[in-house]
N, C-alpha and C. Protein backbone atom coordinates (compact mmCIF):
# COMPACT_ATOMS: atom_id res chain seq x y z
N UNK A 1 30.87 -2.92 26.74
CA UNK A 1 29.76 -3.62 26.11
C UNK A 1 30.26 -4.37 24.88
N UNK A 2 29.90 -5.60 24.79
CA UNK A 2 30.35 -6.37 23.64
C UNK A 2 29.39 -6.17 22.48
N UNK A 3 29.92 -6.36 21.29
CA UNK A 3 29.11 -6.15 20.08
C UNK A 3 27.93 -7.10 20.05
N UNK A 4 28.10 -8.32 20.53
CA UNK A 4 27.01 -9.29 20.52
C UNK A 4 25.83 -8.79 21.34
N UNK A 5 26.12 -8.23 22.52
CA UNK A 5 25.04 -7.71 23.36
C UNK A 5 24.29 -6.59 22.64
N UNK A 6 25.02 -5.73 21.99
CA UNK A 6 24.39 -4.59 21.31
C UNK A 6 23.47 -5.08 20.19
N UNK A 7 23.92 -6.03 19.39
CA UNK A 7 23.09 -6.52 18.29
C UNK A 7 21.84 -7.23 18.81
N UNK A 8 21.97 -7.98 19.89
CA UNK A 8 20.80 -8.64 20.49
C UNK A 8 19.81 -7.59 20.99
N UNK A 9 20.32 -6.53 21.60
CA UNK A 9 19.46 -5.47 22.11
C UNK A 9 18.71 -4.78 20.97
N UNK A 10 19.40 -4.49 19.89
CA UNK A 10 18.76 -3.88 18.73
C UNK A 10 17.64 -4.76 18.18
N UNK A 11 17.94 -6.05 18.06
CA UNK A 11 16.95 -6.97 17.49
C UNK A 11 15.72 -7.09 18.39
N UNK A 12 15.93 -7.17 19.69
CA UNK A 12 14.80 -7.27 20.61
C UNK A 12 13.91 -6.03 20.53
N UNK A 13 14.53 -4.87 20.46
CA UNK A 13 13.76 -3.62 20.36
C UNK A 13 12.95 -3.60 19.07
N UNK A 14 13.56 -4.01 17.98
CA UNK A 14 12.87 -4.01 16.68
C UNK A 14 11.69 -4.97 16.68
N UNK A 15 11.88 -6.15 17.24
CA UNK A 15 10.81 -7.15 17.27
C UNK A 15 9.61 -6.64 18.07
N UNK A 16 9.89 -5.97 19.20
CA UNK A 16 8.79 -5.43 20.01
C UNK A 16 8.05 -4.33 19.24
N UNK A 17 8.78 -3.48 18.54
CA UNK A 17 8.15 -2.39 17.80
C UNK A 17 7.24 -2.91 16.69
N UNK A 18 7.69 -3.97 16.02
CA UNK A 18 6.93 -4.52 14.89
C UNK A 18 5.60 -5.10 15.35
N UNK A 19 5.46 -5.43 16.63
CA UNK A 19 4.19 -5.95 17.14
C UNK A 19 3.07 -4.92 17.01
N UNK A 20 3.43 -3.64 16.82
CA UNK A 20 2.41 -2.59 16.66
C UNK A 20 1.80 -2.57 15.27
N UNK A 21 2.37 -3.29 14.33
CA UNK A 21 1.88 -3.28 12.95
C UNK A 21 0.69 -4.21 12.82
N UNK A 22 -0.38 -3.70 12.23
CA UNK A 22 -1.61 -4.47 12.04
C UNK A 22 -1.84 -4.74 10.56
N UNK A 23 -2.68 -5.71 10.31
CA UNK A 23 -3.02 -6.09 8.94
C UNK A 23 -3.58 -4.89 8.18
N UNK A 24 -3.08 -4.66 6.98
CA UNK A 24 -3.55 -3.57 6.14
C UNK A 24 -2.81 -2.26 6.32
N UNK A 25 -1.82 -2.23 7.19
CA UNK A 25 -1.09 -1.00 7.46
C UNK A 25 -0.19 -0.58 6.29
N UNK A 26 -0.07 0.73 6.11
CA UNK A 26 1.00 1.32 5.32
C UNK A 26 2.12 1.63 6.31
N UNK A 27 3.33 1.12 6.03
CA UNK A 27 4.40 1.17 7.02
C UNK A 27 5.62 1.90 6.43
N UNK A 28 6.11 2.89 7.15
CA UNK A 28 7.36 3.54 6.78
C UNK A 28 8.52 2.70 7.26
N UNK A 29 9.46 2.45 6.37
CA UNK A 29 10.59 1.56 6.65
C UNK A 29 11.85 2.40 6.83
N UNK A 30 12.33 2.47 8.06
CA UNK A 30 13.49 3.28 8.37
C UNK A 30 14.79 2.70 7.84
N UNK A 31 15.85 3.48 8.01
CA UNK A 31 17.18 3.09 7.54
C UNK A 31 18.10 2.88 8.74
N UNK A 32 19.19 2.16 8.51
CA UNK A 32 20.16 1.93 9.57
C UNK A 32 20.08 0.52 10.13
N UNK A 33 21.02 0.20 11.01
CA UNK A 33 21.19 -1.18 11.46
C UNK A 33 20.04 -1.68 12.32
N UNK A 34 19.47 -0.84 13.19
CA UNK A 34 18.37 -1.29 14.04
C UNK A 34 17.08 -1.37 13.24
N UNK A 35 16.83 -0.38 12.38
CA UNK A 35 15.65 -0.44 11.51
C UNK A 35 15.70 -1.65 10.59
N UNK A 36 16.90 -2.08 10.23
CA UNK A 36 17.04 -3.27 9.38
C UNK A 36 16.46 -4.51 10.06
N UNK A 37 16.66 -4.62 11.38
CA UNK A 37 16.06 -5.75 12.11
C UNK A 37 14.54 -5.68 12.06
N UNK A 38 13.98 -4.46 12.10
CA UNK A 38 12.54 -4.31 12.00
C UNK A 38 12.03 -4.74 10.63
N UNK A 39 12.75 -4.37 9.58
CA UNK A 39 12.36 -4.78 8.22
C UNK A 39 12.38 -6.30 8.10
N UNK A 40 13.40 -6.92 8.66
CA UNK A 40 13.49 -8.38 8.62
C UNK A 40 12.33 -9.03 9.37
N UNK A 41 11.94 -8.44 10.51
CA UNK A 41 10.83 -9.00 11.29
C UNK A 41 9.50 -8.79 10.58
N UNK A 42 9.33 -7.64 9.92
CA UNK A 42 8.11 -7.43 9.11
C UNK A 42 8.04 -8.47 8.00
N UNK A 43 9.17 -8.70 7.34
CA UNK A 43 9.21 -9.72 6.29
C UNK A 43 8.87 -11.10 6.81
N UNK A 44 9.34 -11.42 8.01
CA UNK A 44 9.01 -12.72 8.61
C UNK A 44 7.51 -12.84 8.84
N UNK A 45 6.89 -11.76 9.35
CA UNK A 45 5.45 -11.80 9.59
C UNK A 45 4.66 -11.89 8.29
N UNK A 46 5.14 -11.23 7.25
CA UNK A 46 4.50 -11.32 5.94
C UNK A 46 4.52 -12.77 5.45
N UNK A 47 5.67 -13.39 5.59
CA UNK A 47 5.86 -14.76 5.09
C UNK A 47 5.16 -15.80 5.96
N UNK A 48 5.32 -15.68 7.27
CA UNK A 48 4.83 -16.74 8.15
C UNK A 48 3.42 -16.52 8.68
N UNK A 49 3.00 -15.27 8.80
CA UNK A 49 1.69 -14.98 9.37
C UNK A 49 0.69 -14.48 8.34
N UNK A 50 1.16 -14.24 7.12
CA UNK A 50 0.27 -13.70 6.09
C UNK A 50 -0.10 -12.25 6.32
N UNK A 51 0.74 -11.53 7.07
CA UNK A 51 0.49 -10.11 7.31
C UNK A 51 0.46 -9.35 6.00
N UNK A 52 -0.57 -8.54 5.82
CA UNK A 52 -0.71 -7.74 4.60
C UNK A 52 -0.35 -6.29 4.92
N UNK A 53 0.78 -5.85 4.38
CA UNK A 53 1.22 -4.48 4.56
C UNK A 53 1.82 -3.98 3.25
N UNK A 54 1.97 -2.66 3.17
CA UNK A 54 2.73 -2.03 2.09
C UNK A 54 3.79 -1.16 2.75
N UNK A 55 5.02 -1.25 2.29
CA UNK A 55 6.11 -0.49 2.89
C UNK A 55 6.55 0.68 2.03
N UNK A 56 6.93 1.77 2.69
CA UNK A 56 7.53 2.92 2.01
C UNK A 56 8.93 3.11 2.57
N UNK A 57 9.96 2.75 1.81
CA UNK A 57 11.33 2.84 2.31
C UNK A 57 11.82 4.29 2.38
N UNK A 58 12.70 4.54 3.36
CA UNK A 58 13.28 5.88 3.52
C UNK A 58 14.62 6.02 2.81
N UNK A 59 15.12 4.96 2.21
CA UNK A 59 16.41 5.01 1.53
C UNK A 59 16.52 3.87 0.55
N UNK A 60 17.51 3.95 -0.33
CA UNK A 60 17.77 2.85 -1.26
C UNK A 60 18.13 1.58 -0.49
N UNK A 61 18.89 1.75 0.58
CA UNK A 61 19.26 0.62 1.43
C UNK A 61 18.01 -0.08 1.97
N UNK A 62 17.06 0.69 2.51
CA UNK A 62 15.83 0.13 3.05
C UNK A 62 14.99 -0.52 1.96
N UNK A 63 14.99 0.08 0.77
CA UNK A 63 14.25 -0.50 -0.36
C UNK A 63 14.77 -1.89 -0.70
N UNK A 64 16.08 -2.02 -0.85
CA UNK A 64 16.67 -3.31 -1.21
C UNK A 64 16.39 -4.34 -0.13
N UNK A 65 16.52 -3.95 1.13
CA UNK A 65 16.30 -4.89 2.23
C UNK A 65 14.83 -5.33 2.27
N UNK A 66 13.91 -4.40 2.02
CA UNK A 66 12.49 -4.75 2.01
C UNK A 66 12.17 -5.74 0.90
N UNK A 67 12.72 -5.51 -0.27
CA UNK A 67 12.49 -6.42 -1.40
C UNK A 67 13.03 -7.81 -1.09
N UNK A 68 14.23 -7.86 -0.50
CA UNK A 68 14.83 -9.14 -0.15
C UNK A 68 13.99 -9.91 0.87
N UNK A 69 13.26 -9.16 1.71
CA UNK A 69 12.46 -9.80 2.75
C UNK A 69 10.98 -9.94 2.36
N UNK A 70 10.69 -9.70 1.09
CA UNK A 70 9.35 -9.98 0.59
C UNK A 70 8.27 -9.01 1.00
N UNK A 71 8.66 -7.77 1.32
CA UNK A 71 7.67 -6.76 1.71
C UNK A 71 7.23 -5.98 0.47
N UNK A 72 5.94 -5.98 0.15
CA UNK A 72 5.47 -5.21 -1.00
C UNK A 72 5.72 -3.71 -0.78
N UNK A 73 6.13 -3.03 -1.84
CA UNK A 73 6.54 -1.63 -1.75
C UNK A 73 5.50 -0.72 -2.40
N UNK A 74 5.32 0.46 -1.80
CA UNK A 74 4.49 1.49 -2.39
C UNK A 74 5.21 2.82 -2.27
N UNK A 75 4.51 3.91 -2.56
CA UNK A 75 5.14 5.23 -2.52
C UNK A 75 4.27 6.21 -1.75
N UNK A 76 4.87 7.33 -1.38
CA UNK A 76 4.15 8.40 -0.71
C UNK A 76 3.11 9.02 -1.65
N UNK A 77 3.37 8.98 -2.95
CA UNK A 77 2.38 9.49 -3.91
C UNK A 77 1.10 8.67 -3.86
N UNK A 78 1.23 7.37 -3.72
CA UNK A 78 0.06 6.50 -3.66
C UNK A 78 -0.60 6.50 -2.29
N UNK A 79 0.21 6.66 -1.25
CA UNK A 79 -0.31 6.62 0.13
C UNK A 79 0.32 7.76 0.93
N UNK A 80 -0.23 8.97 0.82
CA UNK A 80 0.36 10.13 1.49
C UNK A 80 0.23 10.11 3.01
N UNK A 81 -0.63 9.24 3.53
CA UNK A 81 -0.77 9.08 4.98
C UNK A 81 -0.27 7.68 5.35
N UNK A 82 0.70 7.63 6.26
CA UNK A 82 1.32 6.38 6.66
C UNK A 82 0.82 6.00 8.06
N UNK A 83 0.45 4.74 8.24
CA UNK A 83 -0.08 4.31 9.54
C UNK A 83 0.99 4.31 10.62
N UNK A 84 2.16 3.81 10.30
CA UNK A 84 3.20 3.65 11.31
C UNK A 84 4.56 3.60 10.64
N UNK A 85 5.52 4.29 11.23
CA UNK A 85 6.91 4.22 10.75
C UNK A 85 7.80 3.76 11.90
N UNK A 86 8.70 2.84 11.59
CA UNK A 86 9.69 2.38 12.56
C UNK A 86 11.07 2.76 12.03
N UNK A 87 11.83 3.48 12.86
CA UNK A 87 13.14 3.95 12.44
C UNK A 87 14.07 4.00 13.63
N UNK A 88 15.36 4.09 13.37
CA UNK A 88 16.36 4.19 14.42
C UNK A 88 16.68 5.63 14.75
N UNK A 89 17.65 5.82 15.65
CA UNK A 89 18.09 7.17 16.02
C UNK A 89 19.52 7.10 16.51
N UNK A 90 20.22 8.21 16.37
CA UNK A 90 21.59 8.31 16.86
C UNK A 90 21.64 8.79 18.31
N UNK A 91 20.67 9.61 18.69
CA UNK A 91 20.50 10.03 20.08
C UNK A 91 19.02 10.21 20.37
N UNK A 92 18.64 9.95 21.63
CA UNK A 92 17.26 10.10 22.09
C UNK A 92 17.30 10.80 23.44
N UNK A 93 16.62 11.95 23.56
CA UNK A 93 16.60 12.61 24.86
C UNK A 93 15.34 12.22 25.63
N UNK A 94 15.17 12.64 26.89
CA UNK A 94 14.02 12.21 27.69
C UNK A 94 12.67 12.60 27.12
N UNK A 95 12.62 13.60 26.25
CA UNK A 95 11.36 14.03 25.61
C UNK A 95 11.15 13.40 24.25
N UNK A 96 11.97 12.40 23.92
CA UNK A 96 11.94 11.72 22.63
C UNK A 96 12.28 12.65 21.47
N UNK A 97 13.02 13.72 21.76
CA UNK A 97 13.65 14.46 20.68
C UNK A 97 14.87 13.67 20.23
N UNK A 98 15.20 13.78 18.96
CA UNK A 98 16.21 12.90 18.37
C UNK A 98 17.26 13.65 17.58
N UNK A 99 18.45 13.03 17.48
CA UNK A 99 19.37 13.32 16.39
C UNK A 99 19.41 12.08 15.52
N UNK A 100 19.21 12.30 14.22
CA UNK A 100 19.26 11.22 13.24
C UNK A 100 20.11 11.69 12.05
N UNK A 101 20.53 10.74 11.24
CA UNK A 101 21.19 11.12 9.99
C UNK A 101 22.59 10.60 9.79
N UNK A 102 23.13 9.86 10.75
CA UNK A 102 24.47 9.33 10.52
C UNK A 102 24.49 8.30 9.40
N UNK A 103 23.33 7.75 9.08
CA UNK A 103 23.23 6.84 7.94
C UNK A 103 23.00 7.57 6.62
N UNK A 104 22.75 8.88 6.70
CA UNK A 104 22.65 9.69 5.48
C UNK A 104 21.26 9.88 4.92
N UNK A 105 20.23 9.31 5.56
CA UNK A 105 18.87 9.35 4.97
C UNK A 105 17.95 10.31 5.72
N UNK A 106 18.50 11.30 6.40
CA UNK A 106 17.70 12.11 7.32
C UNK A 106 16.54 12.85 6.66
N UNK A 107 16.72 13.34 5.45
CA UNK A 107 15.64 14.11 4.81
C UNK A 107 14.45 13.22 4.50
N UNK A 108 14.69 12.09 3.87
CA UNK A 108 13.59 11.17 3.56
C UNK A 108 12.99 10.60 4.84
N UNK A 109 13.84 10.34 5.84
CA UNK A 109 13.33 9.84 7.11
C UNK A 109 12.38 10.85 7.75
N UNK A 110 12.74 12.13 7.68
CA UNK A 110 11.88 13.16 8.30
C UNK A 110 10.58 13.33 7.52
N UNK A 111 10.66 13.23 6.22
CA UNK A 111 9.44 13.32 5.40
C UNK A 111 8.49 12.18 5.74
N UNK A 112 9.01 10.97 5.80
CA UNK A 112 8.17 9.81 6.10
C UNK A 112 7.63 9.89 7.53
N UNK A 113 8.47 10.31 8.47
CA UNK A 113 8.00 10.46 9.86
C UNK A 113 6.87 11.49 9.94
N UNK A 114 7.00 12.58 9.19
CA UNK A 114 5.99 13.64 9.21
C UNK A 114 4.66 13.18 8.62
N UNK A 115 4.72 12.21 7.73
CA UNK A 115 3.51 11.69 7.09
C UNK A 115 2.86 10.57 7.89
N UNK A 116 3.44 10.23 9.05
CA UNK A 116 3.02 9.05 9.80
C UNK A 116 2.10 9.39 10.96
N UNK A 117 1.07 8.57 11.14
CA UNK A 117 0.20 8.71 12.31
C UNK A 117 0.95 8.33 13.58
N UNK A 118 1.86 7.37 13.45
CA UNK A 118 2.60 6.88 14.61
C UNK A 118 4.05 6.68 14.19
N UNK A 119 4.97 7.31 14.92
CA UNK A 119 6.39 7.25 14.60
C UNK A 119 7.11 6.61 15.78
N UNK A 120 7.63 5.41 15.57
CA UNK A 120 8.25 4.62 16.64
C UNK A 120 9.75 4.52 16.40
N UNK A 121 10.51 4.78 17.45
CA UNK A 121 11.96 4.69 17.39
C UNK A 121 12.42 3.37 18.00
N UNK A 122 13.41 2.74 17.36
CA UNK A 122 14.04 1.54 17.91
C UNK A 122 15.54 1.81 18.05
N UNK A 123 16.10 1.40 19.17
CA UNK A 123 17.51 1.68 19.44
C UNK A 123 17.99 0.80 20.58
N UNK A 124 19.30 0.80 20.80
CA UNK A 124 19.83 0.20 22.02
C UNK A 124 20.10 1.32 23.02
N UNK A 125 20.29 0.95 24.28
CA UNK A 125 20.32 1.95 25.34
C UNK A 125 21.50 2.92 25.28
N UNK A 126 22.51 2.64 24.47
CA UNK A 126 23.61 3.59 24.30
C UNK A 126 23.13 4.91 23.71
N UNK A 127 21.98 4.89 23.03
CA UNK A 127 21.50 6.08 22.34
C UNK A 127 20.74 7.04 23.24
N UNK A 128 20.48 6.64 24.49
CA UNK A 128 19.77 7.51 25.42
C UNK A 128 20.72 8.55 26.01
N UNK A 129 20.30 9.83 25.97
CA UNK A 129 21.11 10.92 26.52
C UNK A 129 20.20 11.88 27.29
N UNK A 130 20.79 12.63 28.20
CA UNK A 130 20.03 13.67 28.90
C UNK A 130 19.79 14.88 28.01
N UNK A 131 20.81 15.23 27.20
CA UNK A 131 20.68 16.33 26.25
C UNK A 131 21.32 15.93 24.93
N UNK A 132 20.74 16.40 23.84
CA UNK A 132 21.26 16.07 22.51
C UNK A 132 22.60 16.77 22.28
N UNK A 133 23.37 16.20 21.37
CA UNK A 133 24.65 16.80 20.99
C UNK A 133 25.79 16.19 21.76
N UNK A 134 26.64 17.03 22.34
CA UNK A 134 27.82 16.52 23.03
C UNK A 134 28.79 15.94 22.02
N UNK A 135 29.14 14.68 22.21
CA UNK A 135 30.08 14.03 21.30
C UNK A 135 29.44 13.64 19.97
N UNK A 136 28.12 13.73 19.88
CA UNK A 136 27.39 13.35 18.66
C UNK A 136 27.27 14.55 17.73
N UNK A 137 27.85 14.49 16.52
CA UNK A 137 27.65 15.58 15.57
C UNK A 137 26.22 15.60 15.04
N UNK A 138 25.81 16.75 14.58
CA UNK A 138 24.48 16.91 13.99
C UNK A 138 24.60 16.87 12.47
N UNK A 139 24.03 15.85 11.82
CA UNK A 139 24.05 15.81 10.35
C UNK A 139 23.08 16.84 9.76
N UNK A 140 23.53 17.53 8.72
CA UNK A 140 22.70 18.51 8.02
C UNK A 140 22.86 18.27 6.53
N UNK A 141 21.76 18.02 5.84
CA UNK A 141 21.82 17.82 4.39
C UNK A 141 21.73 19.17 3.69
N UNK A 142 22.65 19.40 2.74
CA UNK A 142 22.74 20.71 2.08
C UNK A 142 22.87 20.54 0.57
N UNK A 143 22.48 21.59 -0.14
CA UNK A 143 22.74 21.63 -1.58
C UNK A 143 24.25 21.78 -1.81
N UNK A 144 24.85 20.97 -2.68
CA UNK A 144 26.29 21.11 -2.93
C UNK A 144 26.69 22.52 -3.33
N UNK A 145 25.86 23.18 -4.15
CA UNK A 145 26.14 24.54 -4.62
C UNK A 145 26.30 25.51 -3.46
N UNK A 146 25.57 25.24 -2.38
CA UNK A 146 25.51 26.18 -1.26
C UNK A 146 26.53 25.88 -0.17
N UNK A 147 27.40 24.91 -0.37
CA UNK A 147 28.31 24.50 0.71
C UNK A 147 29.10 25.65 1.34
N UNK A 148 29.74 26.54 0.55
CA UNK A 148 30.51 27.62 1.18
C UNK A 148 29.65 28.54 2.05
N UNK A 149 28.46 28.90 1.55
CA UNK A 149 27.57 29.78 2.32
C UNK A 149 27.10 29.08 3.58
N UNK A 150 26.61 27.86 3.44
CA UNK A 150 26.07 27.15 4.60
C UNK A 150 27.15 26.94 5.66
N UNK A 151 28.34 26.57 5.22
CA UNK A 151 29.45 26.38 6.16
C UNK A 151 29.72 27.65 6.95
N UNK A 152 29.74 28.79 6.27
CA UNK A 152 30.00 30.07 6.93
C UNK A 152 28.90 30.42 7.93
N UNK A 153 27.65 30.24 7.52
CA UNK A 153 26.51 30.56 8.39
C UNK A 153 26.48 29.66 9.63
N UNK A 154 26.81 28.39 9.44
CA UNK A 154 26.82 27.46 10.58
C UNK A 154 27.92 27.85 11.57
N UNK A 155 29.05 28.28 11.05
CA UNK A 155 30.14 28.72 11.95
C UNK A 155 29.73 29.96 12.73
N UNK A 156 28.92 30.83 12.11
CA UNK A 156 28.42 32.00 12.82
C UNK A 156 27.50 31.61 13.97
N UNK A 157 26.85 30.45 13.83
CA UNK A 157 25.98 29.94 14.90
C UNK A 157 26.75 29.18 15.97
N UNK A 158 28.06 29.08 15.81
CA UNK A 158 28.88 28.40 16.80
C UNK A 158 29.17 26.95 16.49
N UNK A 159 28.75 26.49 15.32
CA UNK A 159 28.99 25.10 14.94
C UNK A 159 30.35 24.91 14.27
N UNK A 160 30.83 23.69 14.34
CA UNK A 160 32.07 23.31 13.66
C UNK A 160 31.73 22.26 12.60
N UNK A 161 31.51 22.70 11.35
CA UNK A 161 31.05 21.78 10.31
C UNK A 161 32.19 21.02 9.65
N UNK A 162 31.90 19.78 9.31
CA UNK A 162 32.84 18.94 8.57
C UNK A 162 32.07 18.25 7.45
N UNK A 163 32.56 18.39 6.23
CA UNK A 163 31.91 17.75 5.09
C UNK A 163 32.10 16.24 5.18
N UNK A 164 31.02 15.49 5.14
CA UNK A 164 31.12 14.03 5.19
C UNK A 164 31.73 13.53 3.88
N UNK A 165 32.72 12.64 4.01
CA UNK A 165 33.41 12.11 2.84
C UNK A 165 33.44 10.59 2.89
N UNK A 166 33.51 10.00 1.72
CA UNK A 166 33.71 8.55 1.56
C UNK A 166 34.84 8.37 0.56
N UNK A 167 35.92 7.76 1.00
CA UNK A 167 37.09 7.54 0.15
C UNK A 167 37.56 8.84 -0.49
N UNK A 168 37.65 9.89 0.35
CA UNK A 168 38.15 11.20 -0.06
C UNK A 168 37.23 11.98 -0.99
N UNK A 169 36.04 11.46 -1.24
CA UNK A 169 35.05 12.16 -2.06
C UNK A 169 33.85 12.53 -1.19
N UNK A 170 33.17 13.63 -1.50
CA UNK A 170 31.98 13.98 -0.71
C UNK A 170 30.95 12.86 -0.74
N UNK A 171 30.40 12.57 0.42
CA UNK A 171 29.29 11.61 0.51
C UNK A 171 28.08 12.22 -0.20
N UNK A 172 27.41 11.43 -1.03
CA UNK A 172 26.24 11.90 -1.77
C UNK A 172 25.01 11.18 -1.26
N UNK A 173 23.98 11.93 -0.86
CA UNK A 173 22.75 11.32 -0.37
C UNK A 173 21.92 10.77 -1.53
N UNK A 174 20.85 10.04 -1.18
CA UNK A 174 19.92 9.55 -2.21
C UNK A 174 19.29 10.69 -2.98
N UNK A 175 19.33 11.90 -2.42
CA UNK A 175 18.76 13.08 -3.07
C UNK A 175 19.79 13.86 -3.89
N UNK A 176 21.04 13.36 -3.93
CA UNK A 176 22.08 14.02 -4.69
C UNK A 176 22.73 15.20 -3.97
N UNK A 177 22.62 15.22 -2.64
CA UNK A 177 23.14 16.34 -1.87
C UNK A 177 24.34 15.94 -1.01
N UNK A 178 24.95 16.95 -0.37
CA UNK A 178 26.05 16.73 0.58
C UNK A 178 25.49 16.67 2.00
N UNK A 179 26.32 16.16 2.92
CA UNK A 179 26.00 16.21 4.34
C UNK A 179 27.16 16.86 5.10
N UNK A 180 26.81 17.84 5.93
CA UNK A 180 27.75 18.40 6.88
C UNK A 180 27.48 17.76 8.24
N UNK A 181 28.52 17.24 8.88
CA UNK A 181 28.41 16.76 10.25
C UNK A 181 28.95 17.87 11.14
N UNK A 182 28.08 18.42 11.98
CA UNK A 182 28.41 19.65 12.70
C UNK A 182 28.48 19.41 14.20
N UNK A 183 29.58 19.83 14.79
CA UNK A 183 29.75 19.78 16.24
C UNK A 183 29.22 21.08 16.84
N UNK A 184 28.11 20.96 17.57
CA UNK A 184 27.55 22.10 18.30
C UNK A 184 27.77 21.97 19.80
N UNK A 185 28.49 20.94 20.23
CA UNK A 185 28.57 20.67 21.66
C UNK A 185 27.21 20.23 22.16
N UNK A 186 26.94 20.43 23.43
CA UNK A 186 25.62 20.11 23.99
C UNK A 186 24.60 21.12 23.45
N UNK A 187 23.50 20.61 22.92
CA UNK A 187 22.47 21.47 22.32
C UNK A 187 21.42 21.78 23.39
N UNK A 188 21.43 23.00 23.90
CA UNK A 188 20.54 23.37 24.99
C UNK A 188 19.10 23.58 24.52
N UNK A 189 18.94 24.09 23.31
CA UNK A 189 17.59 24.36 22.80
C UNK A 189 17.49 23.79 21.37
N UNK A 190 17.18 22.50 21.24
CA UNK A 190 17.15 21.87 19.91
C UNK A 190 16.16 22.51 18.95
N UNK A 191 14.98 22.92 19.44
CA UNK A 191 13.98 23.51 18.56
C UNK A 191 14.46 24.83 17.97
N UNK A 192 15.08 25.64 18.79
CA UNK A 192 15.60 26.93 18.30
C UNK A 192 16.72 26.72 17.29
N UNK A 193 17.64 25.80 17.60
CA UNK A 193 18.73 25.53 16.67
C UNK A 193 18.20 25.00 15.34
N UNK A 194 17.23 24.12 15.41
CA UNK A 194 16.64 23.58 14.18
C UNK A 194 16.08 24.71 13.32
N UNK A 195 15.37 25.64 13.95
CA UNK A 195 14.80 26.76 13.20
C UNK A 195 15.89 27.62 12.57
N UNK A 196 16.92 27.93 13.35
CA UNK A 196 17.98 28.82 12.85
C UNK A 196 18.75 28.18 11.70
N UNK A 197 18.86 26.87 11.72
CA UNK A 197 19.52 26.18 10.62
C UNK A 197 18.64 26.12 9.38
N UNK A 198 17.35 25.88 9.60
CA UNK A 198 16.45 25.70 8.46
C UNK A 198 16.27 26.97 7.63
N UNK A 199 16.52 28.14 8.23
CA UNK A 199 16.34 29.39 7.46
C UNK A 199 17.59 29.76 6.67
N UNK A 200 18.66 28.97 6.78
CA UNK A 200 19.86 29.23 5.98
C UNK A 200 19.61 28.74 4.55
N UNK A 201 19.73 29.60 3.55
CA UNK A 201 19.55 29.15 2.17
C UNK A 201 20.54 28.04 1.82
N UNK A 202 20.03 26.95 1.28
CA UNK A 202 20.88 25.83 0.91
C UNK A 202 20.81 24.66 1.88
N UNK A 203 20.26 24.91 3.07
CA UNK A 203 20.02 23.80 4.00
C UNK A 203 18.74 23.08 3.58
N UNK A 204 18.86 21.80 3.28
CA UNK A 204 17.70 21.01 2.90
C UNK A 204 16.96 20.53 4.13
N UNK A 205 17.70 19.91 5.06
CA UNK A 205 17.07 19.39 6.28
C UNK A 205 18.13 19.17 7.34
N UNK A 206 17.70 19.17 8.59
CA UNK A 206 18.60 18.89 9.70
C UNK A 206 18.27 17.54 10.32
N UNK A 207 19.22 17.01 11.06
CA UNK A 207 19.00 15.74 11.75
C UNK A 207 18.33 15.89 13.09
N UNK A 208 17.82 17.07 13.41
CA UNK A 208 17.05 17.27 14.64
C UNK A 208 15.59 16.92 14.38
N UNK A 209 15.10 15.90 15.06
CA UNK A 209 13.71 15.48 14.96
C UNK A 209 13.05 15.87 16.28
N UNK A 210 12.35 16.99 16.27
CA UNK A 210 11.83 17.59 17.49
C UNK A 210 10.32 17.33 17.60
N UNK A 211 9.90 16.67 18.68
CA UNK A 211 8.48 16.44 18.92
C UNK A 211 7.82 15.56 17.88
N UNK A 212 8.56 14.68 17.27
CA UNK A 212 8.01 13.84 16.20
C UNK A 212 7.73 12.41 16.64
N UNK A 213 8.60 11.86 17.49
CA UNK A 213 8.46 10.45 17.89
C UNK A 213 7.35 10.30 18.93
N UNK A 214 6.56 9.24 18.79
CA UNK A 214 5.48 8.96 19.73
C UNK A 214 5.90 7.98 20.83
N UNK A 215 6.81 7.10 20.49
CA UNK A 215 7.32 6.16 21.48
C UNK A 215 8.64 5.59 21.00
N UNK A 216 9.37 4.98 21.93
CA UNK A 216 10.63 4.34 21.58
C UNK A 216 10.72 2.99 22.28
N UNK A 217 11.25 2.02 21.58
CA UNK A 217 11.59 0.73 22.16
C UNK A 217 13.11 0.67 22.23
N UNK A 218 13.61 0.56 23.45
CA UNK A 218 15.06 0.63 23.67
C UNK A 218 15.55 -0.71 24.22
N UNK A 219 16.41 -1.36 23.47
CA UNK A 219 16.97 -2.62 23.90
C UNK A 219 18.02 -2.41 24.98
N UNK A 220 17.92 -3.20 26.05
CA UNK A 220 18.89 -3.14 27.15
C UNK A 220 19.58 -4.50 27.25
N UNK A 221 20.46 -4.63 28.23
CA UNK A 221 21.14 -5.91 28.44
C UNK A 221 20.15 -7.03 28.74
N UNK A 222 19.06 -6.68 29.43
CA UNK A 222 18.17 -7.71 29.95
C UNK A 222 16.79 -7.73 29.31
N UNK A 223 16.50 -6.81 28.40
CA UNK A 223 15.17 -6.79 27.82
C UNK A 223 14.96 -5.58 26.95
N UNK A 224 13.72 -5.05 26.97
CA UNK A 224 13.35 -3.90 26.16
C UNK A 224 12.59 -2.92 27.03
N UNK A 225 12.99 -1.66 26.97
CA UNK A 225 12.30 -0.60 27.70
C UNK A 225 11.44 0.18 26.70
N UNK A 226 10.16 0.36 27.03
CA UNK A 226 9.27 1.16 26.19
C UNK A 226 9.16 2.55 26.79
N UNK A 227 9.42 3.58 25.98
CA UNK A 227 9.37 4.96 26.45
C UNK A 227 8.30 5.71 25.68
N UNK A 228 7.40 6.35 26.41
CA UNK A 228 6.39 7.21 25.80
C UNK A 228 6.38 8.53 26.55
N UNK A 229 5.82 9.56 25.91
CA UNK A 229 5.70 10.85 26.60
C UNK A 229 4.27 11.35 26.47
């Protein structure tokens, strides 16, 4: 697959998803390369169609992109109920369970998704899998103080954790935390694993989004596939 095809697929999926946004909506703005196309399309509709929306970004990256595209910004404090959130995913299984977090914003993304009436995923077809995991690590946001404990507990669960680094330094999230990228192999029971991870002291959030997405727009070579459950 050439890079050009992938970028076109991402953009087509994002454009289709943005058609669900109506005038007056509070919109959650996801992070990552595919969600960025959605932010750009929302900005185009604001500018060219006079669409009235308020956006709640899931990351500093999404905030800057929204401002550049002329999308008015608000907060979860002002609008605790979000009409629709559009975000990307690293993996999508047939039940629309997800792995997210390779961009580092998984905690804020999960908070915004949880506050949303409608949570829409945009991706290209490479992200579709029969089962989560495999070659895809599971990102887990942790308190830096708790890294030794969390690492040990994750290994007891059969995971192989690796501290995410940037230029030999620990990657720091927008929340000031670390991320462990954990190899669990194929994840047979994502809901159970999510629970077992969440009860470890020091784990802030996992990249397992279970039963949260309402639909997905998946860009293919020839168009866009809409998936609902």
